Protein backbone atom coordinates (compact mmCIF):
# COMPACT_ATOMS: atom_id res chain seq x y z
CA MET A 1 8.57 2.81 14.23
CA SER A 2 6.05 1.89 16.76
CA CYS A 3 6.30 -1.37 18.66
CA GLY A 4 8.81 -2.98 15.93
CA GLY A 5 6.83 -6.22 15.37
CA ASN A 6 5.44 -5.11 11.93
CA ASP A 7 8.38 -2.95 11.11
CA GLN A 8 10.60 -6.18 10.08
CA PHE A 9 7.42 -7.40 8.09
CA ILE A 10 7.31 -4.33 6.18
CA LEU A 11 10.77 -3.96 5.60
CA VAL A 12 10.88 -7.67 3.97
CA LEU A 13 7.59 -6.68 2.07
CA VAL A 14 9.53 -3.52 0.53
CA LEU A 15 12.67 -5.74 -0.35
CA PHE A 16 10.25 -8.22 -1.96
CA ILE A 17 8.61 -5.36 -4.02
CA LEU A 18 11.77 -3.86 -5.21
CA LEU A 19 13.18 -7.33 -6.10
CA VAL A 20 10.04 -8.00 -8.45
CA ILE A 21 10.56 -4.47 -9.87
CA VAL A 22 14.35 -5.29 -10.81
CA LEU A 23 13.26 -8.64 -12.25
CA ALA A 24 10.69 -6.96 -14.36
CA ALA A 25 13.22 -4.42 -15.64
CA ILE A 26 15.41 -6.96 -16.40
CA CYS A 27 12.76 -9.36 -18.47
């Protein structure tokens, strides 16, 4: 929400964490 450089990186991190949670829920 500031310059925009780190926002995309944080978004990818959040999506990756959500993916890990989904995989953990399936297993």
